[in-house]
């Protein structure tokens, strides 16, 4: 009866005790089989190293743009006759890309050669300077211009004694033109003496031609004026003769008329 009165232990306590025992056993088993004991001994695998080509591709969309851009152009203007490459072609240094029409190039070459020749002549003229003949011609141009100026001045002074307004204006214009020609010729001579260019020499030659024309014109003006005076003398003398030879006029009137024109008109000729 004493055995019946003893109480049974709960079942969960038995299970707990079993779990604890299993955990302790597992711990010691892990330490024995898997834990590192501190030694350097281990297991190594040896492999042979080889080389190989790694290939991969990338797919995308967009606009391709070159890293470096270069603008190519011809050294001269002209019309393109052919293009030797296509868009996207790879080119090398010195490769012909396009060509121009040959006739355009030949014309431009001829023009360039003519310009070169002209430039060389111009340079030679500047380096050599004016020759003695050029300087002598320029000095003669100054002398001729001075003579033309003196002639025009003398004509003006003579015509001031009694020319018409038109003759006076023409003489004054001649004097101004001669004065301008003289100044231009003197300036040309000065440039030649200092060392003139080809353009200066050409201008000096033109000035000489103008001065010579002025001299010729001034001489023609003198001849015309003399002819006008002689014509007036003949008209007056003819009028006096006709008037005094008329019987209807008295002698003293003819005497007064003759006295007024006692000095021959030829003495008033333009000098």
Protein backbone atom coordinates (compact mmCIF):
# COMPACT_ATOMS: atom_id res chain seq x y z
CA UNK A 1 0.00 0.00 0.00
CA UNK A 2 3.00 2.23 0.46
CA UNK A 3 3.93 1.90 -3.26
CA UNK A 4 0.58 3.01 -4.42
CA UNK A 5 0.81 6.17 -2.39
CA UNK A 6 4.11 7.36 -4.14
CA UNK A 7 3.41 10.08 -6.87
CA UNK A 8 4.72 9.71 -10.50
CA UNK A 9 7.14 12.30 -11.96
CA UNK A 10 5.81 14.48 -14.81
CA UNK A 11 6.54 13.25 -18.37
CA UNK A 12 7.90 16.61 -19.59
CA UNK A 13 10.70 16.50 -17.13
CA UNK A 14 11.83 13.24 -18.64
CA UNK A 15 11.79 14.73 -22.14
CA UNK A 16 13.75 17.78 -21.00
CA UNK A 17 16.40 15.61 -19.48
CA UNK A 18 16.75 13.64 -22.70
CA UNK A 19 17.14 16.82 -24.79
CA UNK A 20 19.84 18.18 -22.52
CA UNK A 21 21.71 14.91 -22.71
CA UNK A 22 21.50 14.89 -26.52
CA UNK A 23 22.77 18.48 -26.74
CA UNK A 24 25.74 17.76 -24.52
CA UNK A 25 26.60 14.69 -26.55
CA UNK A 26 26.37 16.58 -29.83
CA UNK A 27 28.67 19.33 -28.55
CA UNK A 28 31.39 16.95 -27.59
CA UNK A 29 31.03 15.06 -30.86
CA UNK A 30 31.48 18.33 -32.87
CA UNK A 31 34.55 19.26 -30.88
CA UNK A 32 36.03 15.88 -31.53
CA UNK A 33 35.39 15.60 -35.24
CA UNK A 34 35.21 19.16 -36.69
CA UNK A 35 36.89 21.64 -34.38
CA UNK A 36 40.38 23.06 -35.44
CA UNK A 37 43.09 21.70 -33.20
CA UNK A 38 45.54 24.58 -34.07
CA UNK A 39 47.87 22.56 -36.34
CA UNK A 40 49.00 23.76 -39.84
CA UNK A 41 48.18 20.50 -41.53
CA UNK A 42 45.45 20.90 -44.12
CA UNK A 43 44.17 19.68 -47.41
CA UNK A 44 45.24 21.55 -50.62
CA UNK A 45 44.11 21.13 -54.24
CA UNK A 46 46.57 21.86 -57.11
CA UNK A 47 45.35 23.26 -60.46
CA UNK A 48 47.26 24.07 -63.75
CA UNK A 49 46.96 27.71 -64.90
CA UNK A 50 46.26 28.33 -68.60
CA UNK A 51 45.45 31.42 -70.79
CA UNK A 52 42.31 31.91 -72.81
CA UNK A 53 40.55 34.69 -74.80
CA UNK A 54 37.62 36.22 -73.03
CA UNK A 55 34.93 37.38 -75.39
CA UNK A 56 31.90 39.41 -74.50
CA UNK A 57 29.49 41.67 -76.38
CA UNK A 58 27.41 44.66 -75.42
CA UNK A 59 24.14 45.51 -77.11
CA UNK A 60 22.91 49.09 -77.01
CA UNK A 61 21.28 51.77 -79.18
CA UNK A 62 22.28 55.35 -79.89
CA UNK A 63 24.29 57.61 -82.21
CA UNK A 64 27.96 56.82 -82.77
CA UNK A 65 30.33 59.76 -82.41
CA UNK A 66 34.04 59.85 -83.23
CA UNK A 67 36.53 60.65 -80.51
CA UNK A 68 38.44 63.07 -82.77
CA UNK A 69 36.96 65.16 -85.60
CA UNK A 70 39.09 66.58 -88.42
CA UNK A 71 37.89 68.99 -91.09
CA UNK A 72 39.68 68.41 -94.42
CA UNK A 73 39.71 70.98 -97.20
CA UNK A 74 41.60 71.73 -100.41
CA UNK A 75 44.31 74.34 -100.33
CA UNK A 76 42.72 76.17 -103.26
CA UNK A 77 39.22 76.75 -104.57
CA UNK A 78 37.87 74.63 -107.39
CA UNK A 79 35.24 72.15 -108.54
CA UNK A 80 35.37 68.59 -107.15
CA UNK A 81 35.62 66.00 -109.91
CA UNK A 82 35.64 62.79 -107.84
CA UNK A 83 35.50 61.47 -104.25
CA UNK A 84 37.74 58.46 -103.62
CA UNK A 85 36.30 57.22 -100.27
CA UNK A 86 32.91 56.32 -98.82
CA UNK A 87 31.31 57.27 -95.55
CA UNK A 88 32.75 55.17 -92.74
CA UNK A 89 35.88 54.04 -94.62
CA UNK A 90 39.17 53.81 -92.77
CA UNK A 91 41.83 56.02 -94.33
CA UNK A 92 45.56 56.35 -93.89
CA UNK A 93 47.90 59.30 -93.86
CA UNK A 94 48.66 60.47 -97.41
CA UNK A 95 45.70 58.66 -98.97
CA UNK A 96 43.87 60.62 -101.68
CA UNK A 97 40.33 61.43 -100.58
CA UNK A 98 39.08 63.57 -103.48
CA UNK A 99 40.35 65.45 -106.54
CA UNK A 100 39.58 68.73 -108.32
CA UNK A 101 39.05 69.38 -112.01
CA UNK A 102 42.41 69.89 -113.72
CA UNK A 103 41.41 72.90 -115.86
CA UNK A 104 40.54 74.91 -112.77
CA UNK A 105 43.87 74.03 -111.20
CA UNK A 106 45.77 74.96 -114.36
CA UNK A 107 44.09 78.36 -114.53
CA UNK A 108 44.83 79.04 -110.91
CA UNK A 109 48.43 77.94 -111.43
CA UNK A 110 48.82 80.35 -114.35
CA UNK A 111 47.32 83.16 -112.26
CA UNK A 112 49.64 82.36 -109.37
CA UNK A 113 52.68 82.32 -111.67
CA UNK A 114 51.71 85.69 -113.16
CA UNK A 115 51.27 87.16 -109.68
CA UNK A 116 54.66 85.77 -108.67
CA UNK A 117 56.36 87.30 -111.72
CA UNK A 118 54.73 90.67 -111.06
CA UNK A 119 55.78 90.54 -107.41
CA UNK A 120 59.37 89.72 -108.37
CA UNK A 121 59.51 92.61 -110.86
CA UNK A 122 58.07 94.93 -108.23
CA UNK A 123 60.64 93.74 -105.70
CA UNK A 124 63.49 94.21 -108.18
CA UNK A 125 62.36 97.76 -108.97
CA UNK A 126 62.21 98.64 -105.29
CA UNK A 127 65.62 97.09 -104.60
CA UNK A 128 67.32 98.77 -107.58
CA UNK A 129 65.62 102.14 -107.14
CA UNK A 130 65.25 104.75 -109.87
CA UNK A 131 67.87 104.85 -112.60
CA UNK A 132 69.76 107.97 -113.69
CA UNK A 133 67.59 108.17 -116.81
CA UNK A 134 64.43 108.12 -114.70
CA UNK A 135 65.77 110.88 -112.46
CA UNK A 136 66.82 112.96 -115.48
CA UNK A 137 63.37 112.54 -117.02
CA UNK A 138 61.75 113.62 -113.77
CA UNK A 139 64.01 116.67 -113.55
CA UNK A 140 63.12 117.56 -117.15
CA UNK A 141 59.46 117.20 -116.24
CA UNK A 142 59.95 119.75 -113.46
CA UNK A 143 61.66 122.15 -115.87
CA UNK A 144 58.91 121.71 -118.46
CA UNK A 145 56.23 122.25 -115.86
CA UNK A 146 57.99 125.40 -114.65
CA UNK A 147 58.15 126.71 -118.23
CA UNK A 148 54.46 125.94 -118.68
CA UNK A 149 53.65 127.79 -115.47
CA UNK A 150 55.73 130.81 -116.48
CA UNK A 151 54.10 130.86 -119.92
CA UNK A 152 50.63 130.65 -118.46
CA UNK A 153 51.43 133.43 -115.98
CA UNK A 154 52.77 135.67 -118.75
CA UNK A 155 49.73 134.98 -120.90
CA UNK A 156 47.49 135.91 -118.00
CA UNK A 157 49.34 139.16 -117.37
CA UNK A 158 49.17 140.07 -121.07
CA UNK A 159 45.49 139.25 -121.34
CA UNK A 160 44.70 141.35 -118.26
CA UNK A 161 45.36 144.43 -120.42
CA UNK A 162 42.14 143.88 -122.31
CA UNK A 163 40.98 140.30 -122.92
CA UNK A 164 37.41 139.07 -122.82
CA UNK A 165 35.98 137.38 -119.76
CA UNK A 166 36.19 134.00 -121.48
CA UNK A 167 39.85 134.47 -122.39
CA UNK A 168 40.66 135.63 -118.86
CA UNK A 169 38.92 132.62 -117.30
CA UNK A 170 40.70 130.26 -119.69
CA UNK A 171 44.08 131.78 -118.88
CA UNK A 172 43.42 131.55 -115.14
CA UNK A 173 42.46 127.91 -115.52
CA UNK A 174 45.63 127.30 -117.52
CA UNK A 175 47.68 128.84 -114.76
CA UNK A 176 46.04 126.70 -112.09
CA UNK A 177 46.55 123.56 -114.15
CA UNK A 178 50.18 124.41 -114.80
CA UNK A 179 50.70 125.11 -111.10
CA UNK A 180 49.21 121.72 -110.20
CA UNK A 181 51.36 119.99 -112.80
CA UNK A 182 54.47 121.69 -111.46
CA UNK A 183 53.73 120.63 -107.90
CA UNK A 184 53.04 117.07 -109.01
CA UNK A 185 56.26 116.90 -111.03
CA UNK A 186 58.26 118.28 -108.12
CA UNK A 187 56.72 115.71 -105.81
CA UNK A 188 57.55 112.93 -108.26
CA UNK A 189 61.15 114.12 -108.50
CA UNK A 190 61.44 114.17 -104.74
CA UNK A 191 60.18 110.60 -104.50
CA UNK A 192 62.60 109.45 -107.18
CA UNK A 193 65.52 111.07 -105.40
CA UNK A 194 64.49 109.35 -102.17
CA UNK A 195 64.10 106.00 -103.90
CA UNK A 196 60.78 105.39 -105.58
CA UNK A 197 58.80 102.27 -106.34
CA UNK A 198 57.54 101.14 -109.72
CA UNK A 199 54.19 102.79 -109.07
CA UNK A 200 55.91 106.09 -108.32
CA UNK A 201 57.87 105.86 -111.58
CA UNK A 202 54.69 105.27 -113.55
CA UNK A 203 53.05 108.23 -111.85
CA UNK A 204 56.05 110.42 -112.66
CA UNK A 205 55.84 109.48 -116.33
CA UNK A 206 52.15 110.38 -116.35
CA UNK A 207 52.94 113.73 -114.76
CA UNK A 208 55.53 114.43 -117.45
CA UNK A 209 52.95 113.73 -120.15
CA UNK A 210 50.46 116.08 -118.47
CA UNK A 211 53.07 118.82 -118.15
CA UNK A 212 53.99 118.48 -121.84
CA UNK A 213 50.33 118.73 -122.77
CA UNK A 214 50.03 121.90 -120.70
CA UNK A 215 52.99 123.43 -122.51
CA UNK A 216 51.45 122.65 -125.90
CA UNK A 217 48.09 124.05 -124.82
CA UNK A 218 49.64 127.24 -123.46
CA UNK A 219 51.53 127.79 -126.73
CA UNK A 220 48.32 127.27 -128.67
CA UNK A 221 46.59 129.85 -126.49
CA UNK A 222 49.34 132.37 -127.25
CA UNK A 223 49.01 131.75 -131.00
CA UNK A 224 45.23 132.18 -130.82
CA UNK A 225 45.55 135.44 -128.89
CA UNK A 226 48.08 136.84 -131.38
CA UNK A 227 45.80 135.95 -134.26
CA UNK A 228 42.90 137.71 -132.52
CA UNK A 229 44.95 140.89 -132.03
CA UNK A 230 46.12 140.90 -135.65
CA UNK A 231 42.57 140.40 -136.84
CA UNK A 232 41.35 143.30 -134.70
CA UNK A 233 44.18 145.50 -136.05
CA UNK A 234 43.17 144.76 -139.62
CA UNK A 235 39.51 145.51 -138.91
CA UNK A 236 40.28 148.83 -137.23
CA UNK A 237 42.69 149.92 -139.92
CA UNK A 238 40.20 149.03 -142.61
CA UNK A 239 37.49 150.96 -140.77
CA UNK A 240 39.75 154.02 -140.41
CA UNK A 241 40.69 153.97 -144.07
CA UNK A 242 37.09 153.65 -145.18
CA UNK A 243 35.92 156.38 -142.81
CA UNK A 244 38.62 158.91 -143.69
CA UNK A 245 38.44 158.33 -147.45
CA UNK A 246 34.80 159.40 -147.51
CA UNK A 247 34.32 162.89 -148.91
CA UNK A 248 31.38 163.55 -146.64
CA UNK A 249 33.64 163.65 -143.51
CA UNK A 250 35.76 166.61 -142.62
CA UNK A 251 39.52 166.37 -142.24
CA UNK A 252 39.78 167.17 -138.53
CA UNK A 253 37.61 164.16 -137.57
CA UNK A 254 39.87 161.85 -139.57
CA UNK A 255 42.89 163.44 -137.95
CA UNK A 256 41.48 162.81 -134.48
CA UNK A 257 40.66 159.20 -135.44
CA UNK A 258 44.17 158.65 -136.81
CA UNK A 259 45.73 160.19 -133.70
CA UNK A 260 43.77 157.84 -131.43
CA UNK A 261 45.21 154.83 -133.31
CA UNK A 262 48.64 156.23 -134.09
CA UNK A 263 50.32 153.29 -132.25
CA UNK A 264 50.35 150.20 -134.47
CA UNK A 265 48.27 147.38 -133.01
CA UNK A 266 51.09 144.96 -133.69
CA UNK A 267 52.94 146.53 -130.73
CA UNK A 268 50.17 145.17 -128.48
CA UNK A 269 50.75 141.64 -129.66
CA UNK A 270 50.80 138.99 -126.95
CA UNK A 271 54.37 138.39 -125.91
